[in-house]
Amino acid sequence: MFIDEVRILVKAGDGGNGCLAFRREKYVPRGGPSGGDGGRGGDVYLVATQHQNTLLHFRFNPEHKAERGRHGEGSNRTGHEGASLDVQTPVGTVVYDAETGEKLHDFTTPGERFMVARGGRGGRGNARFATSTHQAPTEHEPGRPGQERRLRLELKLLADVGLVGFPNAGKSTLISRLSAARPKIADYPFTTLEPQLGVVQLDDFRSFVIADIPGLIEGAHLGHGLGIQFLRHVERTRLLAHLVDVSESSGREPVHDFDVIMAELAAFSEDLAAKPMLLVATKIDAAQDSTRMESLKALAAERGLPFFVISSVTGEGLDSLRYAMAERILALV
């Protein structure tokens, strides 16, 4: 199961209470105050890891609490500090305050740590209040409460190239031919129900990551089909590959398909629609009417988009597309 958005509660540890105590020892007739301070509560950190690729584990464990500080004790003994809590989250997670909507942090590097809740300070014991004129204080402080926050975590996969297009445009077949990814492939719409990642390896030891996003249809920004909730996963990509089926089996016009998908991208984010893009005509092996491909090629020339013709079944054009993706990614770094 692929989970890419969750809400969680984090609670830092409360500080320990300060102690009220006086020394009562033999041969020490005026021992004075000896109450120690309470220990500080533990903090809560989110830590980016590559060992997880969904937020599923948060669905079953939505609350995360750090240890509270120990109370102070007599003989001026300070309470033990509470242990901080590290919460593992996938690289690519964006953290928002669930109540204000403020963006708190964006995890892009493995091992990155970010404090999301600060532990409470320990209270002062009565020994802290002793002065030359107030030698037997009974004042002592309770520990401060630890910070509590409700967070919204949103996962955006980190990929170099994002594949977009209508359902059955050939995205899953293409990623299976270019990488070791094995997404479900079938001849009906919405075969891909969750994003898929694959690593494309080149002969010169270069590699890049490609993401297959579930297909869009007209009205996706209104919730039609699978909607546009998965488009967040291509917001980080450097390059988009827009796949358009030029075979007659779709029953649609290729140019119209291109315009529909571009409108849906723009409805989600103008920045996403403006990303560098390759236009890829797919299923050329099944195309009988060459005018469909020619109309798409003319559109690419008009928009200034690099144009490629491929067949994932026969392998035609795949090498050219693979190296073109790699060259453009390097140029955008």
C-alpha atoms as a PDB file:
ATOM      1  CA  MET A   1       0.000   0.000   0.000  1.00  0.00           C
ATOM      2  CA  PHE A   2       1.338   3.425  -0.976  1.00  0.00           C
ATOM      3  CA  ILE A   3       0.551   6.158   1.555  1.00  0.00           C
ATOM      4  CA  ASP A   4       1.744   9.660   0.702  1.00  0.00           C
ATOM      5  CA  GLU A   5      -0.055  11.897   3.204  1.00  0.00           C
ATOM      6  CA  VAL A   6      -0.683  11.447   6.946  1.00  0.00           C
ATOM      7  CA  ARG A   7      -1.382  13.460  10.073  1.00  0.00           C
ATOM      8  CA  ILE A   8       0.497  12.707  13.273  1.00  0.00           C
ATOM      9  CA  LEU A   9       0.770  14.010  16.822  1.00  0.00           C
ATOM     10  CA  VAL A  10       4.179  14.628  18.388  1.00  0.00           C
ATOM     11  CA  LYS A  11       4.666  15.405  22.079  1.00  0.00           C
ATOM     12  CA  ALA A  12       8.003  16.344  23.613  1.00  0.00           C
ATOM     13  CA  GLY A  13       8.744  15.266  27.176  1.00  0.00           C
ATOM     14  CA  ASP A  14       7.646  17.408  30.105  1.00  0.00           C
ATOM     15  CA  GLY A  15      10.316  18.781  32.408  1.00  0.00           C
ATOM     16  CA  GLY A  16      10.703  17.222  35.851  1.00  0.00           C
ATOM     17  CA  ASN A  17       9.538  19.097  38.944  1.00  0.00           C
ATOM     18  CA  GLY A  18      11.983  20.858  41.217  1.00  0.00           C
ATOM     19  CA  CYS A  19      12.406  19.293  44.663  1.00  0.00           C
ATOM     20  CA  LEU A  20      11.601  20.785  48.052  1.00  0.00           C
ATOM     21  CA  ALA A  21      14.116  19.350  50.559  1.00  0.00           C
ATOM     22  CA  PHE A  22      16.380  20.312  53.466  1.00  0.00           C
ATOM     23  CA  ARG A  23      19.537  18.607  54.647  1.00  0.00           C
ATOM     24  CA  ARG A  24      19.007  16.652  57.831  1.00  0.00           C
ATOM     25  CA  GLU A  25      22.303  15.068  58.736  1.00  0.00           C
ATOM     26  CA  LYS A  26      23.996  14.312  61.977  1.00  0.00           C
ATOM     27  CA  TYR A  27      26.412  17.043  63.031  1.00  0.00           C
ATOM     28  CA  VAL A  28      24.943  19.418  60.426  1.00  0.00           C
ATOM     29  CA  PRO A  29      22.562  21.490  62.570  1.00  0.00           C
ATOM     30  CA  ARG A  30      21.880  24.024  59.846  1.00  0.00           C
ATOM     31  CA  GLY A  31      22.000  22.027  56.653  1.00  0.00           C
ATOM     32  CA  GLY A  32      19.900  24.395  54.627  1.00  0.00           C
ATOM     33  CA  PRO A  33      17.839  23.761  51.472  1.00  0.00           C
ATOM     34  CA  SER A  34      18.939  20.881  49.241  1.00  0.00           C
ATOM     35  CA  GLY A  35      16.190  20.390  46.675  1.00  0.00           C
ATOM     36  CA  GLY A  36      17.580  19.640  43.176  1.00  0.00           C
ATOM     37  CA  ASP A  37      16.267  20.774  39.815  1.00  0.00           C
ATOM     38  CA  GLY A  38      14.050  18.644  37.614  1.00  0.00           C
ATOM     39  CA  GLY A  39      15.475  17.140  34.440  1.00  0.00           C
ATOM     40  CA  ARG A  40      14.704  18.517  30.998  1.00  0.00           C
ATOM     41  CA  GLY A  41      12.185  16.662  28.836  1.00  0.00           C
ATOM     42  CA  GLY A  42      13.272  14.897  25.653  1.00  0.00           C
ATOM     43  CA  ASP A  43      12.880  16.444  22.184  1.00  0.00           C
ATOM     44  CA  VAL A  44      11.164  14.871  19.180  1.00  0.00           C
ATOM     45  CA  TYR A  45      13.129  14.766  15.912  1.00  0.00           C
ATOM     46  CA  LEU A  46      12.108  13.658  12.435  1.00  0.00           C
ATOM     47  CA  VAL A  47      14.978  11.869  10.666  1.00  0.00           C
ATOM     48  CA  ALA A  48      15.113  11.218   6.907  1.00  0.00           C
ATOM     49  CA  THR A  49      15.867   7.641   5.883  1.00  0.00           C
ATOM     50  CA  GLN A  50      16.168   5.749   2.601  1.00  0.00           C
ATOM     51  CA  HIS A  51      14.927   2.521   4.192  1.00  0.00           C
ATOM     52  CA  GLN A  52      11.274   3.561   3.880  1.00  0.00           C
ATOM     53  CA  ASN A  53       9.449   4.762   0.798  1.00  0.00           C
ATOM     54  CA  THR A  54       5.907   5.350   2.097  1.00  0.00           C
ATOM     55  CA  LEU A  55       4.275   6.909   5.156  1.00  0.00           C
ATOM     56  CA  LEU A  56       2.318   3.728   5.849  1.00  0.00           C
ATOM     57  CA  HIS A  57       3.935   3.137   9.252  1.00  0.00           C
ATOM     58  CA  PHE A  58       2.448   6.404  10.525  1.00  0.00           C
ATOM     59  CA  ARG A  59      -1.079   5.145   9.810  1.00  0.00           C
ATOM     60  CA  PHE A  60      -0.695   2.511  12.519  1.00  0.00           C
ATOM     61  CA  ASN A  61       1.351   4.666  14.918  1.00  0.00           C
ATOM     62  CA  PRO A  62       0.148   8.282  14.665  1.00  0.00           C
ATOM     63  CA  GLU A  63       1.332   9.443  18.111  1.00  0.00           C
ATOM     64  CA  HIS A  64       4.978   9.894  19.074  1.00  0.00           C
ATOM     65  CA  LYS A  65       6.010  11.004  22.566  1.00  0.00           C
ATOM     66  CA  ALA A  66       9.462  11.621  23.991  1.00  0.00           C
ATOM     67  CA  GLU A  67      10.429  10.717  27.542  1.00  0.00           C
ATOM     68  CA  ARG A  68       9.725  13.181  30.340  1.00  0.00           C
ATOM     69  CA  GLY A  69      12.462  14.432  32.674  1.00  0.00           C
ATOM     70  CA  ARG A  70      12.873  12.937  36.139  1.00  0.00           C
ATOM     71  CA  HIS A  71      11.966  15.020  39.181  1.00  0.00           C
ATOM     72  CA  GLY A  72      14.711  16.610  41.225  1.00  0.00           C
ATOM     73  CA  GLU A  73      15.741  14.939  44.482  1.00  0.00           C
ATOM     74  CA  GLY A  74      17.249  15.873  47.812  1.00  0.00           C
ATOM     75  CA  SER A  75      20.970  16.404  48.364  1.00  0.00           C
ATOM     76  CA  ASN A  76      20.933  18.762  45.367  1.00  0.00           C
ATOM     77  CA  ARG A  77      20.469  15.907  42.918  1.00  0.00           C
ATOM     78  CA  THR A  78      19.220  17.005  39.501  1.00  0.00           C
ATOM     79  CA  GLY A  79      16.679  14.763  37.787  1.00  0.00           C
ATOM     80  CA  HIS A  80      17.755  12.749  34.758  1.00  0.00           C
ATOM     81  CA  GLU A  81      16.984  14.314  31.364  1.00  0.00           C
ATOM     82  CA  GLY A  82      14.363  12.581  29.271  1.00  0.00           C
ATOM     83  CA  ALA A  83      15.558  10.687  26.204  1.00  0.00           C
ATOM     84  CA  SER A  84      14.892  12.381  22.861  1.00  0.00           C
ATOM     85  CA  LEU A  85      12.904  10.503  20.246  1.00  0.00           C
ATOM     86  CA  ASP A  86      13.981  10.015  16.604  1.00  0.00           C
ATOM     87  CA  VAL A  87      11.082   9.325  14.248  1.00  0.00           C
ATOM     88  CA  GLN A  88      12.093   7.842  10.888  1.00  0.00           C
ATOM     89  CA  THR A  89      10.486   9.324   7.785  1.00  0.00           C
ATOM     90  CA  PRO A  90      11.237   8.768   4.071  1.00  0.00           C
ATOM     91  CA  VAL A  91      13.492  11.097   2.136  1.00  0.00           C
ATOM     92  CA  GLY A  92      11.212  13.438   0.218  1.00  0.00           C
ATOM     93  CA  THR A  93       8.839  14.120   3.108  1.00  0.00           C
ATOM     94  CA  VAL A  94       7.570  17.676   3.558  1.00  0.00           C
ATOM     95  CA  VAL A  95       6.463  18.611   7.081  1.00  0.00           C
ATOM     96  CA  TYR A  96       3.607  21.070   7.666  1.00  0.00           C
ATOM     97  CA  ASP A  97       1.978  22.375  10.820  1.00  0.00           C
ATOM     98  CA  ALA A  98      -1.497  20.819  10.586  1.00  0.00           C
ATOM     99  CA  GLU A  99      -3.182  23.753  12.324  1.00  0.00           C
ATOM    100  CA  THR A 100      -1.568  26.725  10.580  1.00  0.00           C
ATOM    101  CA  GLY A 101      -0.520  25.109   7.307  1.00  0.00           C
ATOM    102  CA  GLU A 102       3.010  26.504   7.732  1.00  0.00           C
ATOM    103  CA  LYS A 103       5.733  24.543   5.956  1.00  0.00           C
ATOM    104  CA  LEU A 104       8.266  23.518   8.602  1.00  0.00           C
ATOM    105  CA  HIS A 105      10.836  21.432   6.744  1.00  0.00           C
ATOM    106  CA  ASP A 106      11.556  19.560   3.522  1.00  0.00           C
ATOM    107  CA  PHE A 107      13.670  16.400   3.792  1.00  0.00           C
ATOM    108  CA  THR A 108      15.872  15.918   0.735  1.00  0.00           C
ATOM    109  CA  THR A 109      18.992  14.255   2.184  1.00  0.00           C
ATOM    110  CA  PRO A 110      19.326  10.897   4.003  1.00  0.00           C
ATOM    111  CA  GLY A 111      20.203  11.322   7.673  1.00  0.00           C
ATOM    112  CA  GLU A 112      18.784  14.844   7.876  1.00  0.00           C
ATOM    113  CA  ARG A 113      17.342  15.627  11.347  1.00  0.00           C
ATOM    114  CA  PHE A 114      14.785  18.277  12.236  1.00  0.00           C
ATOM    115  CA  MET A 115      13.400  19.046  15.685  1.00  0.00           C
ATOM    116  CA  VAL A 116       9.608  19.234  15.549  1.00  0.00           C
ATOM    117  CA  ALA A 117       8.893  19.463  19.295  1.00  0.00           C
ATOM    118  CA  ARG A 118      11.127  20.845  22.049  1.00  0.00           C
ATOM    119  CA  GLY A 119      11.216  19.292  25.520  1.00  0.00           C
ATOM    120  CA  GLY A 120      10.085  21.235  28.569  1.00  0.00           C
ATOM    121  CA  ARG A 121      12.585  22.797  30.956  1.00  0.00           C
ATOM    122  CA  GLY A 122      12.946  21.228  34.381  1.00  0.00           C
ATOM    123  CA  GLY A 123      11.664  23.159  37.382  1.00  0.00           C
ATOM    124  CA  ARG A 124      14.063  24.667  39.903  1.00  0.00           C
ATOM    125  CA  GLY A 125      14.430  23.099  43.328  1.00  0.00           C
ATOM    126  CA  ASN A 126      14.264  25.139  46.508  1.00  0.00           C
ATOM    127  CA  ALA A 127      18.065  25.265  46.786  1.00  0.00           C
ATOM    128  CA  ARG A 128      17.981  27.709  43.855  1.00  0.00           C
ATOM    129  CA  PHE A 129      15.985  30.234  45.862  1.00  0.00           C
ATOM    130  CA  ALA A 130      18.322  30.463  48.864  1.00  0.00           C
ATOM    131  CA  THR A 131      19.800  33.915  49.567  1.00  0.00           C
ATOM    132  CA  SER A 132      21.602  35.535  52.484  1.00  0.00           C
ATOM    133  CA  THR A 133      18.312  36.889  53.775  1.00  0.00           C
ATOM    134  CA  HIS A 134      16.094  33.957  52.748  1.00  0.00           C
ATOM    135  CA  GLN A 135      17.975  30.931  54.013  1.00  0.00           C
ATOM    136  CA  ALA A 136      15.140  28.411  54.298  1.00  0.00           C
ATOM    137  CA  PRO A 137      13.102  28.809  51.079  1.00  0.00           C
ATOM    138  CA  THR A 138      10.159  26.539  50.427  1.00  0.00           C
ATOM    139  CA  GLU A 139       9.647  27.742  46.880  1.00  0.00           C
ATOM    140  CA  HIS A 140      10.152  25.245  44.079  1.00  0.00           C
ATOM    141  CA  GLU A 141       8.935  25.094  40.505  1.00  0.00           C
ATOM    142  CA  PRO A 142       7.016  22.502  38.514  1.00  0.00           C
ATOM    143  CA  GLY A 143       8.517  21.342  35.238  1.00  0.00           C
ATOM    144  CA  ARG A 144       7.460  23.096  32.046  1.00  0.00           C
ATOM    145  CA  PRO A 145       5.302  21.072  29.654  1.00  0.00           C
ATOM    146  CA  GLY A 146       6.923  19.784  26.473  1.00  0.00           C
ATOM    147  CA  GLN A 147       5.812  21.144  23.125  1.00  0.00           C
ATOM    148  CA  GLU A 148       2.922  19.332  21.479  1.00  0.00           C
ATOM    149  CA  ARG A 149       2.183  19.670  17.765  1.00  0.00           C
ATOM    150  CA  ARG A 150      -0.069  18.187  15.170  1.00  0.00           C
ATOM    151  CA  LEU A 151       1.775  17.703  11.898  1.00  0.00           C
ATOM    152  CA  ARG A 152       0.814  16.886   8.341  1.00  0.00           C
ATOM    153  CA  LEU A 153       3.418  14.872   6.466  1.00  0.00           C
ATOM    154  CA  GLU A 154       3.363  14.854   2.681  1.00  0.00           C
ATOM    155  CA  LEU A 155       5.630  12.568   0.676  1.00  0.00           C
ATOM    156  CA  LYS A 156       6.992  13.735  -2.662  1.00  0.00           C
ATOM    157  CA  LEU A 157       9.103  11.120  -4.385  1.00  0.00           C
ATOM    158  CA  LEU A 158      12.550  12.213  -5.507  1.00  0.00           C
ATOM    159  CA  ALA A 159      12.970  11.446  -9.197  1.00  0.00           C
ATOM    160  CA  ASP A 160      14.826  13.023 -12.097  1.00  0.00           C
ATOM    161  CA  VAL A 161      12.221  12.298 -14.790  1.00  0.00           C
ATOM    162  CA  GLY A 162       8.454  12.129 -14.376  1.00  0.00           C
ATOM    163  CA  LEU A 163       6.215  10.331 -16.889  1.00  0.00           C
ATOM    164  CA  VAL A 164       2.827  11.950 -17.469  1.00  0.00           C
ATOM    165  CA  GLY A 165       0.022  11.210 -19.851  1.00  0.00           C
ATOM    166  CA  PHE A 166      -3.392   9.617 -20.304  1.00  0.00           C
ATOM    167  CA  PRO A 167      -4.114   6.151 -18.887  1.00  0.00           C
ATOM    168  CA  ASN A 168      -2.783   3.464 -21.228  1.00  0.00           C
ATOM    169  CA  ALA A 169      -0.375   5.888 -22.903  1.00  0.00           C
ATOM    170  CA  GLY A 170       2.417   3.382 -22.323  1.00  0.00           C
ATOM    171  CA  LYS A 171       4.038   4.833 -19.195  1.00  0.00           C
ATOM    172  CA  SER A 172       4.234   1.570 -17.242  1.00  0.00           C
ATOM    173  CA  THR A 173       5.535  -0.377 -20.226  1.00  0.00           C
ATOM    174  CA  LEU A 174       8.181   2.279 -20.869  1.00  0.00           C
ATOM    175  CA  ILE A 175       9.480   2.298 -17.276  1.00  0.00           C
ATOM    176  CA  SER A 176       9.604  -1.511 -17.332  1.00  0.00           C
ATOM    177  CA  ARG A 177      11.768  -1.392 -20.494  1.00  0.00           C
ATOM    178  CA  LEU A 178      14.075   1.376 -19.279  1.00  0.00           C
ATOM    179  CA  SER A 179      14.592   0.125 -15.717  1.00  0.00           C
ATOM    180  CA  ALA A 180      14.207  -2.889 -13.450  1.00  0.00           C
ATOM    181  CA  ALA A 181      10.838  -1.656 -12.170  1.00  0.00           C
ATOM    182  CA  ARG A 182       7.974  -4.080 -12.775  1.00  0.00           C
ATOM    183  CA  PRO A 183       4.704  -2.178 -12.520  1.00  0.00           C
ATOM    184  CA  LYS A 184       1.379  -3.813 -13.356  1.00  0.00           C
ATOM    185  CA  ILE A 185       0.715  -3.640 -17.099  1.00  0.00           C
ATOM    186  CA  ALA A 186      -2.696  -4.365 -18.640  1.00  0.00           C
ATOM    187  CA  ASP A 187      -4.908  -3.179 -21.491  1.00  0.00           C
ATOM    188  CA  TYR A 188      -7.422  -1.272 -19.373  1.00  0.00           C
ATOM    189  CA  PRO A 189      -7.327   2.263 -17.924  1.00  0.00           C
ATOM    190  CA  PHE A 190      -5.890   3.074 -14.489  1.00  0.00           C
ATOM    191  CA  THR A 191      -3.715  -0.031 -14.310  1.00  0.00           C
ATOM    192  CA  THR A 192      -1.238   2.054 -12.298  1.00  0.00           C
ATOM    193  CA  LEU A 193      -2.848   3.027  -9.004  1.00  0.00           C
ATOM    194  CA  GLU A 194       0.227   4.371  -7.229  1.00  0.00           C
ATOM    195  CA  PRO A 195       3.511   6.001  -8.300  1.00  0.00           C
ATOM    196  CA  GLN A 196       6.348   3.710  -9.356  1.00  0.00           C
ATOM    197  CA  LEU A 197      10.069   4.463  -9.304  1.00  0.00           C
ATOM    198  CA  GLY A 198      12.758   2.926 -11.493  1.00  0.00           C
ATOM    199  CA  VAL A 199      16.506   3.489 -11.887  1.00  0.00           C
ATOM    200  CA  VAL A 200      17.706   3.825 -15.467  1.00  0.00           C
ATOM    201  CA  GLN A 201      21.305   2.643 -15.894  1.00  0.00           C
ATOM    202  CA  LEU A 202      23.400   3.862 -18.833  1.00  0.00           C
ATOM    203  CA  ASP A 203      26.427   2.170 -20.398  1.00  0.00           C
ATOM    204  CA  ASP A 204      28.808   4.843 -19.084  1.00  0.00           C
ATOM    205  CA  PHE A 205      27.820   4.094 -15.459  1.00  0.00           C
ATOM    206  CA  ARG A 206      25.543   7.103 -15.253  1.00  0.00           C
ATOM    207  CA  SER A 207      22.047   6.592 -13.893  1.00  0.00           C
ATOM    208  CA  PHE A 208      18.896   8.538 -13.164  1.00  0.00           C
ATOM    209  CA  VAL A 209      15.561   7.908 -11.464  1.00  0.00           C
ATOM    210  CA  ILE A 210      12.312   7.842 -13.395  1.00  0.00           C
ATOM    211  CA  ALA A 211       8.815   8.031 -11.891  1.00  0.00           C
ATOM    212  CA  ASP A 212       5.637   6.584 -13.407  1.00  0.00           C
ATOM    213  CA  ILE A 213       2.604   8.571 -12.249  1.00  0.00           C
ATOM    214  CA  PRO A 214      -0.986   7.220 -12.488  1.00  0.00           C
ATOM    215  CA  GLY A 215      -2.701   8.453 -15.643  1.00  0.00           C
ATOM    216  CA  LEU A 216      -4.676  11.678 -15.871  1.00  0.00           C
ATOM    217  CA  ILE A 217      -7.928  12.301 -17.696  1.00  0.00           C
ATOM    218  CA  GLU A 218      -9.868  15.439 -18.549  1.00  0.00           C
ATOM    219  CA  GLY A 219     -11.283  16.936 -15.361  1.00  0.00           C
ATOM    220  CA  ALA A 220      -8.691  15.282 -13.108  1.00  0.00           C
ATOM    221  CA  HIS A 221      -8.299  18.556 -11.165  1.00  0.00           C
ATOM    222  CA  LEU A 222     -12.008  18.225 -10.301  1.00  0.00           C
ATOM    223  CA  GLY A 223     -11.482  14.703  -8.979  1.00  0.00           C
ATOM    224  CA  HIS A 224     -12.327  12.756 -12.132  1.00  0.00           C
ATOM    225  CA  GLY A 225     -10.505   9.444 -12.528  1.00  0.00           C
ATOM    226  CA  LEU A 226      -7.795   9.185  -9.894  1.00  0.00           C
ATOM    227  CA  GLY A 227      -7.638  12.967  -9.625  1.00  0.00           C
ATOM    228  CA  ILE A 228      -4.379  14.872  -9.378  1.00  0.00           C
ATOM    229  CA  GLN A 229      -3.287  13.851  -5.878  1.00  0.00           C
ATOM    230  CA  PHE A 230      -0.266  12.010  -7.282  1.00  0.00           C
ATOM    231  CA  LEU A 231       1.065  14.996  -9.217  1.00  0.00           C
ATOM    232  CA  ARG A 232       2.953  16.168  -6.127  1.00  0.00           C
ATOM    233  CA  HIS A 233       5.398  13.368  -6.920  1.00  0.00           C
ATOM    234  CA  VAL A 234       6.530  15.037 -10.139  1.00  0.00           C
ATOM    235  CA  GLU A 235       6.848  18.530  -8.627  1.00  0.00           C
ATOM    236  CA  ARG A 236      10.477  17.791  -7.699  1.00  0.00           C
ATOM    237  CA  THR A 237      11.480  16.253 -11.018  1.00  0.00           C
ATOM    238  CA  ARG A 238      13.893  18.103 -13.260  1.00  0.00           C
ATOM    239  CA  LEU A 239      12.298  16.870 -16.473  1.00  0.00           C
ATOM    240  CA  LEU A 240       8.868  15.698 -17.637  1.00  0.00           C
ATOM    241  CA  ALA A 241       8.329  13.120 -20.376  1.00  0.00           C
ATOM    242  CA  HIS A 242       4.853  13.634 -21.805  1.00  0.00           C
ATOM    243  CA  LEU A 243       3.694  10.376 -23.409  1.00  0.00           C
ATOM    244  CA  VAL A 244       0.982  10.490 -26.064  1.00  0.00           C
ATOM    245  CA  ASP A 245      -0.547   7.413 -27.686  1.00  0.00           C
ATOM    246  CA  VAL A 246      -0.538   7.872 -31.488  1.00  0.00           C
ATOM    247  CA  SER A 247      -2.208   4.548 -32.286  1.00  0.00           C
ATOM    248  CA  GLU A 248      -5.842   4.397 -33.307  1.00  0.00           C
ATOM    249  CA  SER A 249      -6.784   2.214 -30.338  1.00  0.00           C
ATOM    250  CA  SER A 250      -7.252   5.171 -28.006  1.00  0.00           C
ATOM    251  CA  GLY A 251     -10.022   6.668 -30.135  1.00  0.00           C
ATOM    252  CA  ARG A 252      -8.715  10.156 -29.330  1.00  0.00           C
ATOM    253  CA  GLU A 253      -6.691  12.731 -31.211  1.00  0.00           C
ATOM    254  CA  PRO A 254      -3.037  12.960 -30.045  1.00  0.00           C
ATOM    255  CA  VAL A 255      -2.970  16.776 -30.125  1.00  0.00           C
ATOM    256  CA  HIS A 256      -6.147  16.907 -28.038  1.00  0.00           C
ATOM    257  CA  ASP A 257      -4.617  14.469 -25.537  1.00  0.00           C
ATOM    258  CA  PHE A 258      -1.566  16.710 -25.205  1.00  0.00           C
ATOM    259  CA  ASP A 259      -3.674  19.833 -24.616  1.00  0.00           C
ATOM    260  CA  VAL A 260      -5.859  18.087 -22.015  1.00  0.00           C
ATOM    261  CA  ILE A 261      -2.892  16.876 -19.960  1.00  0.00           C
ATOM    262  CA  MET A 262      -1.189  20.276 -20.126  1.00  0.00           C
ATOM    263  CA  ALA A 263      -4.393  21.901 -18.857  1.00  0.00           C
ATOM    264  CA  GLU A 264      -4.521  19.466 -15.930  1.00  0.00           C
ATOM    265  CA  LEU A 265      -0.862  20.127 -15.081  1.00  0.00           C
ATOM    266  CA  ALA A 266      -1.493  23.859 -15.129  1.00  0.00           C
ATOM    267  CA  ALA A 267      -4.590  23.447 -12.938  1.00  0.00           C
ATOM    268  CA  PHE A 268      -2.405  21.723 -10.345  1.00  0.00           C
ATOM    269  CA  SER A 269       0.601  24.050 -10.583  1.00  0.00           C
ATOM    270  CA  GLU A 270       1.780  26.581 -13.142  1.00  0.00           C
ATOM    271  CA  ASP A 271       5.368  25.745 -12.195  1.00  0.00           C
ATOM    272  CA  LEU A 272       4.731  22.079 -12.995  1.00  0.00           C
ATOM    273  CA  ALA A 273       3.317  22.898 -16.423  1.00  0.00           C
ATOM    274  CA  ALA A 274       6.371  25.077 -17.141  1.00  0.00           C
ATOM    275  CA  LYS A 275       8.938  22.361 -16.381  1.00  0.00           C
ATOM    276  CA  PRO A 276      11.316  21.240 -19.160  1.00  0.00           C
ATOM    277  CA  MET A 277       9.541  18.584 -21.179  1.00  0.00           C
ATOM    278  CA  LEU A 278      10.059  15.917 -23.824  1.00  0.00           C
ATOM    279  CA  LEU A 279       7.143  14.995 -26.051  1.00  0.00           C
ATOM    280  CA  VAL A 280       7.070  11.250 -26.748  1.00  0.00           C
ATOM    281  CA  ALA A 281       4.833   9.552 -29.318  1.00  0.00           C
ATOM    282  CA  THR A 282       4.175   6.001 -28.096  1.00  0.00           C
ATOM    283  CA  LYS A 283       2.832   2.758 -29.599  1.00  0.00           C
ATOM    284  CA  ILE A 284       4.218   3.589 -33.012  1.00  0.00           C
ATOM    285  CA  ASP A 285       4.215  -0.136 -33.819  1.00  0.00           C
ATOM    286  CA  ALA A 286       0.389  -0.127 -33.681  1.00  0.00           C
ATOM    287  CA  ALA A 287      -0.137   3.168 -35.539  1.00  0.00           C
ATOM    288  CA  GLN A 288      -1.625   2.850 -39.005  1.00  0.00           C
ATOM    289  CA  ASP A 289      -2.416   6.496 -39.733  1.00  0.00           C
ATOM    290  CA  SER A 290       0.848   8.447 -40.033  1.00  0.00           C
ATOM    291  CA  THR A 291      -1.001  11.792 -39.955  1.00  0.00           C
ATOM    292  CA  ARG A 292      -1.637  11.331 -36.224  1.00  0.00           C
ATOM    293  CA  MET A 293       2.069  11.240 -35.499  1.00  0.00           C
ATOM    294  CA  GLU A 294       2.790  14.062 -37.939  1.00  0.00           C
ATOM    295  CA  SER A 295       0.260  16.343 -36.247  1.00  0.00           C
ATOM    296  CA  LEU A 296       1.921  15.681 -32.893  1.00  0.00           C
ATOM    297  CA  LYS A 297       5.357  16.297 -34.392  1.00  0.00           C
ATOM    298  CA  ALA A 298       4.167  19.628 -35.771  1.00  0.00           C
ATOM    299  CA  LEU A 299       2.845  20.563 -32.345  1.00  0.00           C
ATOM    300  CA  ALA A 300       6.229  19.750 -30.792  1.00  0.00           C
ATOM    301  CA  ALA A 301       7.981  21.971 -33.321  1.00  0.00           C
ATOM    302  CA  GLU A 302       5.515  24.766 -32.635  1.00  0.00           C
ATOM    303  CA  ARG A 303       6.043  24.530 -28.858  1.00  0.00           C
ATOM    304  CA  GLY A 304       9.815  24.031 -29.150  1.00  0.00           C
ATOM    305  CA  LEU A 305       9.686  20.607 -27.490  1.00  0.00           C
ATOM    306  CA  PRO A 306      12.124  17.772 -28.284  1.00  0.00           C
ATOM    307  CA  PHE A 307      10.123  15.067 -30.052  1.00  0.00           C
ATOM    308  CA  PHE A 308      10.687  11.296 -29.875  1.00  0.00           C
ATOM    309  CA  VAL A 309       8.923   8.361 -31.452  1.00  0.00           C
ATOM    310  CA  ILE A 310       9.073   5.046 -29.593  1.00  0.00           C
ATOM    311  CA  SER A 311       7.628   1.582 -29.337  1.00  0.00           C
ATOM    312  CA  SER A 312       8.138  -0.048 -25.948  1.00  0.00           C
ATOM    313  CA  VAL A 313       7.087  -3.383 -27.475  1.00  0.00           C
ATOM    314  CA  THR A 314       9.668  -3.495 -30.284  1.00  0.00           C
ATOM    315  CA  GLY A 315      12.254  -1.273 -28.578  1.00  0.00           C
ATOM    316  CA  GLU A 316      12.249   1.298 -31.385  1.00  0.00           C
ATOM    317  CA  GLY A 317      13.563   4.678 -30.229  1.00  0.00           C
ATOM    318  CA  LEU A 318      14.175   3.640 -26.610  1.00  0.00           C
ATOM    319  CA  ASP A 319      17.945   4.129 -26.676  1.00  0.00           C
ATOM    320  CA  SER A 320      17.614   7.594 -28.172  1.00  0.00           C
ATOM    321  CA  LEU A 321      15.043   8.545 -25.549  1.00  0.00           C
ATOM    322  CA  ARG A 322      17.122   7.138 -22.686  1.00  0.00           C
ATOM    323  CA  TYR A 323      20.237   9.106 -23.619  1.00  0.00           C
ATOM    324  CA  ALA A 324      18.252  12.248 -24.401  1.00  0.00           C
ATOM    325  CA  MET A 325      16.767  12.113 -20.895  1.00  0.00           C
ATOM    326  CA  ALA A 326      20.224  11.713 -19.374  1.00  0.00           C
ATOM    327  CA  GLU A 327      21.739  14.578 -21.360  1.00  0.00           C
ATOM    328  CA  ARG A 328      18.926  16.973 -20.466  1.00  0.00           C
ATOM    329  CA  ILE A 329      19.073  16.059 -16.787  1.00  0.00           C
ATOM    330  CA  LEU A 330      22.811  16.779 -16.742  1.00  0.00           C
ATOM    331  CA  ALA A 331      22.194  20.100 -18.468  1.00  0.00           C
ATOM    332  CA  LEU A 332      19.637  21.050 -15.815  1.00  0.00           C
ATOM    333  CA  VAL A 333      21.776  20.168 -12.794  1.00  0.00           C
END
